Amino acid sequence: MNILSLVALLMWLSALALILVSFKRNDGSTEKGLRMGVGYLAVMAPRVFCAVFMASFVAELLPGDLISSWLGSESGVKGILIASVIGIMVPAGGVVAFPLALAMIKVGVGIPQLTAFLTSWEVFAIHRILAWEIPFLGVHFVGLRISSSFMLPPLAGIFAAGLITLFSK
């Protein structure tokens, strides 16, 4: 059993345990939780369906040789820095970013570079900064947050590379 199957199994077991706990409470929380879960599924299923297809086509359409030369495992710190910049420019949520990451793996992007890409997307998502952070928290706070965390994506990529080296021995 691979790690992804194990994680999926643990998630299903956790969901079943929570259903059992709510059922024992006998206060209607089971029905309410199931209704909410079905509602979330109805909203997310079409998005995930489209995202999986998008990732499949993106993986086929991306110029694999070019991308793997820039962001492959052999690209090292330069590739980590490029991936950190690219992650900032993805103007979408997880339903787009993670299938894009899957497509990037399929064309040969290295794990450290992908780690930097996803960390950068999460920390510096430009759409979130412009739509939420600046209007709600102000330019001063956003400037401080960005300047205090701008090294996180490259450091995450370098740390991932170190872990790969450590565990491959």
C-alpha atoms as a PDB file:
ATOM      1  CA  MET A   1       0.000   0.000   0.000  1.00  0.00           C
ATOM      2  CA  ASN A   2       1.504   3.331  -1.023  1.00  0.00           C
ATOM      3  CA  ILE A   3       1.417   6.486   1.087  1.00  0.00           C
ATOM      4  CA  LEU A   4      -1.445   8.105  -0.867  1.00  0.00           C
ATOM      5  CA  SER A   5      -3.652   5.042  -0.388  1.00  0.00           C
ATOM      6  CA  LEU A   6      -2.816   5.029   3.305  1.00  0.00           C
ATOM      7  CA  VAL A   7      -3.708   8.712   3.650  1.00  0.00           C
ATOM      8  CA  ALA A   8      -7.002   8.169   1.797  1.00  0.00           C
ATOM      9  CA  LEU A   9      -7.814   5.201   4.036  1.00  0.00           C
ATOM     10  CA  LEU A  10      -7.071   7.250   7.168  1.00  0.00           C
ATOM     11  CA  MET A  11      -9.311  10.060   5.917  1.00  0.00           C
ATOM     12  CA  TRP A  12     -12.205   7.650   5.288  1.00  0.00           C
ATOM     13  CA  LEU A  13     -11.732   6.029   8.702  1.00  0.00           C
ATOM     14  CA  SER A  14     -11.690   9.453  10.352  1.00  0.00           C
ATOM     15  CA  ALA A  15     -14.902  10.435   8.547  1.00  0.00           C
ATOM     16  CA  LEU A  16     -16.587   7.206   9.639  1.00  0.00           C
ATOM     17  CA  ALA A  17     -15.428   7.727  13.231  1.00  0.00           C
ATOM     18  CA  LEU A  18     -16.893  11.255  13.216  1.00  0.00           C
ATOM     19  CA  ILE A  19     -20.182   9.936  11.819  1.00  0.00           C
ATOM     20  CA  LEU A  20     -20.316   7.357  14.623  1.00  0.00           C
ATOM     21  CA  VAL A  21     -19.589   9.988  17.280  1.00  0.00           C
ATOM     22  CA  SER A  22     -22.324  12.247  15.908  1.00  0.00           C
ATOM     23  CA  PHE A  23     -24.733   9.310  15.695  1.00  0.00           C
ATOM     24  CA  LYS A  24     -24.151   8.475  19.373  1.00  0.00           C
ATOM     25  CA  ARG A  25     -24.973  12.075  20.327  1.00  0.00           C
ATOM     26  CA  ASN A  26     -28.493  11.482  18.989  1.00  0.00           C
ATOM     27  CA  ASP A  27     -29.119  15.206  18.543  1.00  0.00           C
ATOM     28  CA  GLY A  28     -29.633  15.469  14.797  1.00  0.00           C
ATOM     29  CA  SER A  29     -25.992  16.303  14.128  1.00  0.00           C
ATOM     30  CA  THR A  30     -25.578  13.219  11.921  1.00  0.00           C
ATOM     31  CA  GLU A  31     -28.334  14.301   9.550  1.00  0.00           C
ATOM     32  CA  LYS A  32     -27.129  17.906   9.549  1.00  0.00           C
ATOM     33  CA  GLY A  33     -23.532  16.811   8.875  1.00  0.00           C
ATOM     34  CA  LEU A  34     -24.572  14.471   6.063  1.00  0.00           C
ATOM     35  CA  ARG A  35     -26.699  17.224   4.484  1.00  0.00           C
ATOM     36  CA  MET A  36     -23.763  19.643   4.642  1.00  0.00           C
ATOM     37  CA  GLY A  37     -21.403  17.010   3.237  1.00  0.00           C
ATOM     38  CA  VAL A  38     -23.692  16.273   0.301  1.00  0.00           C
ATOM     39  CA  GLY A  39     -24.024  20.017  -0.306  1.00  0.00           C
ATOM     40  CA  TYR A  40     -20.237  20.447  -0.375  1.00  0.00           C
ATOM     41  CA  LEU A  41     -19.945  17.440  -2.674  1.00  0.00           C
ATOM     42  CA  ALA A  42     -22.509  18.927  -5.067  1.00  0.00           C
ATOM     43  CA  VAL A  43     -20.533  22.182  -5.204  1.00  0.00           C
ATOM     44  CA  MET A  44     -17.047  20.679  -5.414  1.00  0.00           C
ATOM     45  CA  ALA A  45     -17.570  17.619  -7.641  1.00  0.00           C
ATOM     46  CA  PRO A  46     -17.997  19.570 -10.893  1.00  0.00           C
ATOM     47  CA  ARG A  47     -14.965  21.717 -10.048  1.00  0.00           C
ATOM     48  CA  VAL A  48     -12.788  18.709  -9.261  1.00  0.00           C
ATOM     49  CA  PHE A  49     -14.048  16.917 -12.380  1.00  0.00           C
ATOM     50  CA  CYS A  50     -13.080  19.891 -14.569  1.00  0.00           C
ATOM     51  CA  ALA A  51      -9.771  20.339 -12.762  1.00  0.00           C
ATOM     52  CA  VAL A  52      -8.745  16.718 -13.303  1.00  0.00           C
ATOM     53  CA  PHE A  53      -9.486  17.021 -17.019  1.00  0.00           C
ATOM     54  CA  MET A  54      -7.673  20.333 -17.129  1.00  0.00           C
ATOM     55  CA  ALA A  55      -4.601  18.773 -15.519  1.00  0.00           C
ATOM     56  CA  SER A  56      -4.651  15.932 -18.029  1.00  0.00           C
ATOM     57  CA  PHE A  57      -4.743  18.288 -21.001  1.00  0.00           C
ATOM     58  CA  VAL A  58      -2.240  20.725 -19.500  1.00  0.00           C
ATOM     59  CA  ALA A  59       0.194  17.845 -18.963  1.00  0.00           C
ATOM     60  CA  GLU A  60      -0.117  16.948 -22.645  1.00  0.00           C
ATOM     61  CA  LEU A  61       0.109  20.534 -23.911  1.00  0.00           C
ATOM     62  CA  LEU A  62       2.970  21.812 -21.750  1.00  0.00           C
ATOM     63  CA  PRO A  63       6.350  21.789 -23.491  1.00  0.00           C
ATOM     64  CA  GLY A  64       7.786  19.063 -21.267  1.00  0.00           C
ATOM     65  CA  ASP A  65      11.405  19.372 -22.396  1.00  0.00           C
ATOM     66  CA  LEU A  66      11.474  23.119 -21.809  1.00  0.00           C
ATOM     67  CA  ILE A  67       9.746  22.935 -18.435  1.00  0.00           C
ATOM     68  CA  SER A  68      11.842  20.028 -17.176  1.00  0.00           C
ATOM     69  CA  SER A  69      15.011  21.880 -18.222  1.00  0.00           C
ATOM     70  CA  TRP A  70      13.923  24.926 -16.182  1.00  0.00           C
ATOM     71  CA  LEU A  71      12.221  23.131 -13.289  1.00  0.00           C
ATOM     72  CA  GLY A  72      13.514  19.566 -13.349  1.00  0.00           C
ATOM     73  CA  SER A  73      15.442  18.008 -10.481  1.00  0.00           C
ATOM     74  CA  GLU A  74      18.714  18.929 -12.197  1.00  0.00           C
ATOM     75  CA  SER A  75      17.802  22.638 -12.265  1.00  0.00           C
ATOM     76  CA  GLY A  76      18.745  22.931  -8.595  1.00  0.00           C
ATOM     77  CA  VAL A  77      18.433  26.238  -6.754  1.00  0.00           C
ATOM     78  CA  LYS A  78      17.884  28.112 -10.028  1.00  0.00           C
ATOM     79  CA  GLY A  79      14.813  25.945 -10.702  1.00  0.00           C
ATOM     80  CA  ILE A  80      13.606  26.454  -7.140  1.00  0.00           C
ATOM     81  CA  LEU A  81      13.822  30.232  -7.584  1.00  0.00           C
ATOM     82  CA  ILE A  82      12.009  30.087 -10.947  1.00  0.00           C
ATOM     83  CA  ALA A  83       9.281  27.897  -9.437  1.00  0.00           C
ATOM     84  CA  SER A  84       8.944  30.347  -6.551  1.00  0.00           C
ATOM     85  CA  VAL A  85       8.242  33.176  -9.005  1.00  0.00           C
ATOM     86  CA  ILE A  86       5.838  31.091 -11.109  1.00  0.00           C
ATOM     87  CA  GLY A  87       3.805  30.163  -8.024  1.00  0.00           C
ATOM     88  CA  ILE A  88       3.050  33.820  -7.366  1.00  0.00           C
ATOM     89  CA  MET A  89       1.486  34.186 -10.808  1.00  0.00           C
ATOM     90  CA  VAL A  90      -1.131  31.404 -10.540  1.00  0.00           C
ATOM     91  CA  PRO A  91      -4.364  33.378 -10.065  1.00  0.00           C
ATOM     92  CA  ALA A  92      -6.575  30.558  -8.831  1.00  0.00           C
ATOM     93  CA  GLY A  93      -7.478  28.408  -5.873  1.00  0.00           C
ATOM     94  CA  GLY A  94      -6.525  24.846  -5.065  1.00  0.00           C
ATOM     95  CA  VAL A  95      -8.909  23.388  -7.612  1.00  0.00           C
ATOM     96  CA  VAL A  96      -6.611  24.815 -10.313  1.00  0.00           C
ATOM     97  CA  ALA A  97      -3.225  24.930  -8.541  1.00  0.00           C
ATOM     98  CA  PHE A  98      -3.090  21.275  -7.492  1.00  0.00           C
ATOM     99  CA  PRO A  99      -4.083  19.830 -10.880  1.00  0.00           C
ATOM    100  CA  LEU A 100      -1.505  22.177 -12.392  1.00  0.00           C
ATOM    101  CA  ALA A 101       1.039  20.771  -9.937  1.00  0.00           C
ATOM    102  CA  LEU A 102       0.043  17.248 -11.008  1.00  0.00           C
ATOM    103  CA  ALA A 103       0.588  18.215 -14.652  1.00  0.00           C
ATOM    104  CA  MET A 104       3.975  19.677 -13.700  1.00  0.00           C
ATOM    105  CA  ILE A 105       5.019  16.391 -12.074  1.00  0.00           C
ATOM    106  CA  LYS A 106       4.028  14.511 -15.226  1.00  0.00           C
ATOM    107  CA  VAL A 107       6.287  16.699 -17.404  1.00  0.00           C
ATOM    108  CA  GLY A 108       9.290  16.230 -15.130  1.00  0.00           C
ATOM    109  CA  VAL A 109       9.281  19.035 -12.568  1.00  0.00           C
ATOM    110  CA  GLY A 110      11.422  18.098  -9.561  1.00  0.00           C
ATOM    111  CA  ILE A 111       9.932  17.675  -6.085  1.00  0.00           C
ATOM    112  CA  PRO A 112      11.976  20.550  -4.557  1.00  0.00           C
ATOM    113  CA  GLN A 113      10.889  22.840  -7.387  1.00  0.00           C
ATOM    114  CA  LEU A 114       7.266  21.750  -7.020  1.00  0.00           C
ATOM    115  CA  THR A 115       7.494  22.352  -3.274  1.00  0.00           C
ATOM    116  CA  ALA A 116       8.714  25.901  -3.934  1.00  0.00           C
ATOM    117  CA  PHE A 117       5.943  26.435  -6.518  1.00  0.00           C
ATOM    118  CA  LEU A 118       3.155  25.307  -4.175  1.00  0.00           C
ATOM    119  CA  THR A 119       4.589  27.180  -1.199  1.00  0.00           C
ATOM    120  CA  SER A 120       4.844  30.350  -3.263  1.00  0.00           C
ATOM    121  CA  TRP A 121       1.296  29.917  -4.582  1.00  0.00           C
ATOM    122  CA  GLU A 122       0.000  29.437  -1.037  1.00  0.00           C
ATOM    123  CA  VAL A 123       1.937  32.272   0.599  1.00  0.00           C
ATOM    124  CA  PHE A 124       1.795  34.860  -2.199  1.00  0.00           C
ATOM    125  CA  ALA A 125      -1.370  34.103  -4.178  1.00  0.00           C
ATOM    126  CA  ILE A 126      -1.722  37.361  -6.078  1.00  0.00           C
ATOM    127  CA  HIS A 127      -5.474  37.023  -6.473  1.00  0.00           C
ATOM    128  CA  ARG A 128      -5.913  36.667  -2.714  1.00  0.00           C
ATOM    129  CA  ILE A 129      -3.582  39.553  -1.944  1.00  0.00           C
ATOM    130  CA  LEU A 130      -5.406  41.921  -4.310  1.00  0.00           C
ATOM    131  CA  ALA A 131      -8.977  40.777  -3.578  1.00  0.00           C
ATOM    132  CA  TRP A 132      -8.808  40.156   0.161  1.00  0.00           C
ATOM    133  CA  GLU A 133      -5.649  41.098   1.995  1.00  0.00           C
ATOM    134  CA  ILE A 134      -5.086  44.664   0.775  1.00  0.00           C
ATOM    135  CA  PRO A 135      -8.765  45.709   1.041  1.00  0.00           C
ATOM    136  CA  PHE A 136      -9.227  44.145   4.487  1.00  0.00           C
ATOM    137  CA  LEU A 137      -5.805  44.453   6.100  1.00  0.00           C
ATOM    138  CA  GLY A 138      -4.207  47.374   4.263  1.00  0.00           C
ATOM    139  CA  VAL A 139      -1.083  47.855   2.211  1.00  0.00           C
ATOM    140  CA  HIS A 140       1.156  48.343   5.259  1.00  0.00           C
ATOM    141  CA  PHE A 141       0.291  44.957   6.784  1.00  0.00           C
ATOM    142  CA  VAL A 142       0.463  43.144   3.438  1.00  0.00           C
ATOM    143  CA  GLY A 143       3.855  44.714   2.743  1.00  0.00           C
ATOM    144  CA  LEU A 144       5.157  43.557   6.117  1.00  0.00           C
ATOM    145  CA  ARG A 145       3.739  40.059   5.635  1.00  0.00           C
ATOM    146  CA  ILE A 146       5.210  39.691   2.164  1.00  0.00           C
ATOM    147  CA  SER A 147       8.624  41.090   3.083  1.00  0.00           C
ATOM    148  CA  SER A 148       8.858  38.904   6.181  1.00  0.00           C
ATOM    149  CA  SER A 149       7.951  35.722   4.326  1.00  0.00           C
ATOM    150  CA  PHE A 150       9.363  36.121   0.830  1.00  0.00           C
ATOM    151  CA  MET A 151      12.165  33.614   1.486  1.00  0.00           C
ATOM    152  CA  LEU A 152       9.759  30.842   2.526  1.00  0.00           C
ATOM    153  CA  PRO A 153       9.221  29.272  -0.940  1.00  0.00           C
ATOM    154  CA  PRO A 154      12.929  28.984  -1.827  1.00  0.00           C
ATOM    155  CA  LEU A 155      13.725  27.732   1.672  1.00  0.00           C
ATOM    156  CA  ALA A 156      10.934  25.138   1.443  1.00  0.00           C
ATOM    157  CA  GLY A 157      12.328  23.925  -1.891  1.00  0.00           C
ATOM    158  CA  ILE A 158      15.878  23.736  -0.540  1.00  0.00           C
ATOM    159  CA  PHE A 159      14.632  21.935   2.576  1.00  0.00           C
ATOM    160  CA  ALA A 160      12.718  19.437   0.387  1.00  0.00           C
ATOM    161  CA  ALA A 161      15.888  18.811  -1.639  1.00  0.00           C
ATOM    162  CA  GLY A 162      17.790  18.184   1.597  1.00  0.00           C
ATOM    163  CA  LEU A 163      15.158  15.736   2.805  1.00  0.00           C
ATOM    164  CA  ILE A 164      15.244  13.877  -0.499  1.00  0.00           C
ATOM    165  CA  THR A 165      19.018  13.576  -0.228  1.00  0.00           C
ATOM    166  CA  LEU A 166      18.772  12.476   3.396  1.00  0.00           C
ATOM    167  CA  PHE A 167      16.142   9.814   2.812  1.00  0.00           C
ATOM    168  CA  SER A 168      17.587   8.469  -0.446  1.00  0.00           C
ATOM    169  CA  LYS A 169      20.684   7.175   1.366  1.00  0.00           C
END
